Amino acid sequence: MISENRKECLTETGKPVKFQQRRISVLVSSAVISTASNPIKSKD
């Protein structure tokens, strides 16, 4: 449901979906890296 809503919003805004998806992928990758690094730092 969330992905469909996001696609609709991107289409309405007129922004390139591919560019947005690529940007989202980068943000997700950064979030995953942060999430993976935080527990290690916390345990330290």
PDB file of N, CA and C in Angstrom:
ATOM      1  N   MET A   1       0.837  -1.205   0.000  1.00  0.00           N
ATOM      2  CA  MET A   1       0.000   0.000   0.000  1.00  0.00           C
ATOM      3  C   MET A   1       0.871   1.254   0.000  1.00  0.00           C
ATOM      4  N   ILE A   2       1.895   1.275   0.847  1.00  0.00           N
ATOM      5  CA  ILE A   2       2.734   2.479   0.941  1.00  0.00           C
ATOM      6  C   ILE A   2       3.424   2.747  -0.394  1.00  0.00           C
ATOM      7  N   SER A   3       3.975   1.692  -1.018  1.00  0.00           N
ATOM      8  CA  SER A   3       4.690   1.910  -2.290  1.00  0.00           C
ATOM      9  C   SER A   3       3.737   2.464  -3.340  1.00  0.00           C
ATOM     10  N   GLU A   4       2.511   1.937  -3.398  1.00  0.00           N
ATOM     11  CA  GLU A   4       1.549   2.431  -4.387  1.00  0.00           C
ATOM     12  C   GLU A   4       1.252   3.903  -4.137  1.00  0.00           C
ATOM     13  N   ASN A   5       1.041   4.267  -2.883  1.00  0.00           N
ATOM     14  CA  ASN A   5       0.753   5.673  -2.566  1.00  0.00           C
ATOM     15  C   ASN A   5       1.933   6.548  -2.961  1.00  0.00           C
ATOM     16  N   ARG A   6       3.141   6.092  -2.682  1.00  0.00           N
ATOM     17  CA  ARG A   6       4.318   6.887  -3.029  1.00  0.00           C
ATOM     18  C   ARG A   6       4.400   7.065  -4.540  1.00  0.00           C
ATOM     19  N   LYS A   7       4.161   5.996  -5.293  1.00  0.00           N
ATOM     20  CA  LYS A   7       4.232   6.093  -6.758  1.00  0.00           C
ATOM     21  C   LYS A   7       3.211   7.109  -7.255  1.00  0.00           C
ATOM     22  N   GLU A   8       2.003   7.064  -6.689  1.00  0.00           N
ATOM     23  CA  GLU A   8       0.966   8.014  -7.113  1.00  0.00           C
ATOM     24  C   GLU A   8       1.412   9.438  -6.808  1.00  0.00           C
ATOM     25  N   CYS A   9       1.959   9.661  -5.609  1.00  0.00           N
ATOM     26  CA  CYS A   9       2.401  11.007  -5.232  1.00  0.00           C
ATOM     27  C   CYS A   9       3.505  11.472  -6.182  1.00  0.00           C
ATOM     28  N   LEU A  10       4.465  10.598  -6.484  1.00  0.00           N
ATOM     29  CA  LEU A  10       5.563  10.991  -7.363  1.00  0.00           C
ATOM     30  C   LEU A  10       5.013  11.348  -8.739  1.00  0.00           C
ATOM     31  N   THR A  11       4.053  10.553  -9.215  1.00  0.00           N
ATOM     32  CA  THR A  11       3.480  10.832 -10.535  1.00  0.00           C
ATOM     33  C   THR A  11       2.761  12.178 -10.521  1.00  0.00           C
ATOM     34  N   GLU A  12       2.031  12.456  -9.435  1.00  0.00           N
ATOM     35  CA  GLU A  12       1.297  13.722  -9.346  1.00  0.00           C
ATOM     36  C   GLU A  12       2.270  14.896  -9.292  1.00  0.00           C
ATOM     37  N   THR A  13       3.366  14.721  -8.566  1.00  0.00           N
ATOM     38  CA  THR A  13       4.341  15.808  -8.461  1.00  0.00           C
ATOM     39  C   THR A  13       5.032  16.036  -9.796  1.00  0.00           C
ATOM     40  N   GLY A  14       5.069  14.999 -10.644  1.00  0.00           N
ATOM     41  CA  GLY A  14       5.695  15.151 -11.956  1.00  0.00           C
ATOM     42  C   GLY A  14       7.182  14.876 -11.905  1.00  0.00           C
ATOM     43  N   LYS A  15       7.675  14.378 -10.772  1.00  0.00           N
ATOM     44  CA  LYS A  15       9.108  14.078 -10.683  1.00  0.00           C
ATOM     45  C   LYS A  15       9.382  12.718 -11.310  1.00  0.00           C
ATOM     46  N   PRO A  16      10.559  12.539 -11.908  1.00  0.00           N
ATOM     47  CA  PRO A  16      10.896  11.243 -12.501  1.00  0.00           C
ATOM     48  C   PRO A  16      10.875  10.148 -11.441  1.00  0.00           C
ATOM     49  N   VAL A  17      10.082   9.114 -11.707  1.00  0.00           N
ATOM     50  CA  VAL A  17       9.961   8.029 -10.731  1.00  0.00           C
ATOM     51  C   VAL A  17      11.292   7.298 -10.581  1.00  0.00           C
ATOM     52  N   LYS A  18      11.988   7.067 -11.703  1.00  0.00           N
ATOM     53  CA  LYS A  18      13.258   6.335 -11.635  1.00  0.00           C
ATOM     54  C   LYS A  18      14.248   7.069 -10.738  1.00  0.00           C
ATOM     55  N   PHE A  19      14.329   8.391 -10.913  1.00  0.00           N
ATOM     56  CA  PHE A  19      15.258   9.172 -10.098  1.00  0.00           C
ATOM     57  C   PHE A  19      14.879   9.066  -8.625  1.00  0.00           C
ATOM     58  N   GLN A  20      13.574   9.172  -8.336  1.00  0.00           N
ATOM     59  CA  GLN A  20      13.115   9.098  -6.950  1.00  0.00           C
ATOM     60  C   GLN A  20      13.418   7.723  -6.369  1.00  0.00           C
ATOM     61  N   GLN A  21      13.143   6.666  -7.135  1.00  0.00           N
ATOM     62  CA  GLN A  21      13.406   5.312  -6.644  1.00  0.00           C
ATOM     63  C   GLN A  21      14.885   5.141  -6.357  1.00  0.00           C
ATOM     64  N   ARG A  22      15.732   5.694  -7.243  1.00  0.00           N
ATOM     65  CA  ARG A  22      17.168   5.578  -7.042  1.00  0.00           C
ATOM     66  C   ARG A  22      17.567   6.317  -5.769  1.00  0.00           C
ATOM     67  N   ARG A  23      16.995   7.507  -5.575  1.00  0.00           N
ATOM     68  CA  ARG A  23      17.304   8.291  -4.379  1.00  0.00           C
ATOM     69  C   ARG A  23      16.832   7.554  -3.133  1.00  0.00           C
ATOM     70  N   ILE A  24      15.630   6.974  -3.192  1.00  0.00           N
ATOM     71  CA  ILE A  24      15.098   6.220  -2.056  1.00  0.00           C
ATOM     72  C   ILE A  24      16.022   5.046  -1.746  1.00  0.00           C
ATOM     73  N   SER A  25      16.521   4.373  -2.793  1.00  0.00           N
ATOM     74  CA  SER A  25      17.420   3.240  -2.583  1.00  0.00           C
ATOM     75  C   SER A  25      18.658   3.691  -1.831  1.00  0.00           C
ATOM     76  N   VAL A  26      19.192   4.859  -2.203  1.00  0.00           N
ATOM     77  CA  VAL A  26      20.381   5.380  -1.519  1.00  0.00           C
ATOM     78  C   VAL A  26      20.050   5.676  -0.064  1.00  0.00           C
ATOM     79  N   LEU A  27      18.897   6.285   0.174  1.00  0.00           N
ATOM     80  CA  LEU A  27      18.498   6.601   1.553  1.00  0.00           C
ATOM     81  C   LEU A  27      18.333   5.314   2.353  1.00  0.00           C
ATOM     82  N   VAL A  28      17.722   4.306   1.742  1.00  0.00           N
ATOM     83  CA  VAL A  28      17.527   3.029   2.435  1.00  0.00           C
ATOM     84  C   VAL A  28      18.880   2.407   2.765  1.00  0.00           C
ATOM     85  N   SER A  29      19.809   2.445   1.802  1.00  0.00           N
ATOM     86  CA  SER A  29      21.139   1.883   2.036  1.00  0.00           C
ATOM     87  C   SER A  29      21.805   2.602   3.196  1.00  0.00           C
ATOM     88  N   SER A  30      21.708   3.928   3.228  1.00  0.00           N
ATOM     89  CA  SER A  30      22.308   4.705   4.315  1.00  0.00           C
ATOM     90  C   SER A  30      21.660   4.330   5.641  1.00  0.00           C
ATOM     91  N   ALA A  31      20.344   4.171   5.637  1.00  0.00           N
ATOM     92  CA  ALA A  31      19.631   3.816   6.861  1.00  0.00           C
ATOM     93  C   ALA A  31      20.066   2.438   7.348  1.00  0.00           C
ATOM     94  N   VAL A  32      20.225   1.498   6.423  1.00  0.00           N
ATOM     95  CA  VAL A  32      20.650   0.145   6.798  1.00  0.00           C
ATOM     96  C   VAL A  32      22.046   0.192   7.404  1.00  0.00           C
ATOM     97  N   ILE A  33      22.940   0.961   6.784  1.00  0.00           N
ATOM     98  CA  ILE A  33      24.308   1.072   7.298  1.00  0.00           C
ATOM     99  C   ILE A  33      24.280   1.682   8.694  1.00  0.00           C
ATOM    100  N   SER A  34      23.494   2.738   8.879  1.00  0.00           N
ATOM    101  CA  SER A  34      23.404   3.390  10.192  1.00  0.00           C
ATOM    102  C   SER A  34      22.851   2.417  11.220  1.00  0.00           C
ATOM    103  N   THR A  35      21.807   1.688  10.845  1.00  0.00           N
ATOM    104  CA  THR A  35      21.198   0.736  11.773  1.00  0.00           C
ATOM    105  C   THR A  35      22.186  -0.366  12.135  1.00  0.00           C
ATOM    106  N   ALA A  36      22.995  -0.776  11.178  1.00  0.00           N
ATOM    107  CA  ALA A  36      23.968  -1.839  11.432  1.00  0.00           C
ATOM    108  C   ALA A  36      25.112  -1.318  12.292  1.00  0.00           C
ATOM    109  N   SER A  37      25.450  -0.037  12.142  1.00  0.00           N
ATOM    110  CA  SER A  37      26.579   0.524  12.885  1.00  0.00           C
ATOM    111  C   SER A  37      26.172   0.913  14.303  1.00  0.00           C
ATOM    112  N   ASN A  38      24.956   1.394  14.476  1.00  0.00           N
ATOM    113  CA  ASN A  38      24.524   1.871  15.789  1.00  0.00           C
ATOM    114  C   ASN A  38      24.577   0.793  16.876  1.00  0.00           C
ATOM    115  N   PRO A  39      24.004  -0.390  16.648  1.00  0.00           N
ATOM    116  CA  PRO A  39      24.050  -1.427  17.695  1.00  0.00           C
ATOM    117  C   PRO A  39      25.482  -1.760  18.084  1.00  0.00           C
ATOM    118  N   ILE A  40      26.392  -1.792  17.106  1.00  0.00           N
ATOM    119  CA  ILE A  40      27.791  -2.117  17.402  1.00  0.00           C
ATOM    120  C   ILE A  40      28.385  -1.038  18.307  1.00  0.00           C
ATOM    121  N   LYS A  41      28.130   0.224  17.968  1.00  0.00           N
ATOM    122  CA  LYS A  41      28.655   1.320  18.786  1.00  0.00           C
ATOM    123  C   LYS A  41      28.021   1.287  20.174  1.00  0.00           C
ATOM    124  N   SER A  42      26.733   0.976  20.241  1.00  0.00           N
ATOM    125  CA  SER A  42      26.046   0.944  21.531  1.00  0.00           C
ATOM    126  C   SER A  42      26.642  -0.155  22.412  1.00  0.00           C
ATOM    127  N   LYS A  43      26.894  -1.320  21.828  1.00  0.00           N
ATOM    128  CA  LYS A  43      27.481  -2.417  22.606  1.00  0.00           C
ATOM    129  C   LYS A  43      28.870  -2.036  23.098  1.00  0.00           C
ATOM    130  N   ASP A  44      29.598  -1.285  22.272  1.00  0.00           N
ATOM    131  CA  ASP A  44      30.925  -0.840  22.678  1.00  0.00           C
ATOM    132  C   ASP A  44      30.767   0.068  23.897  1.00  0.00           C
TER     133      ASP A  44
END
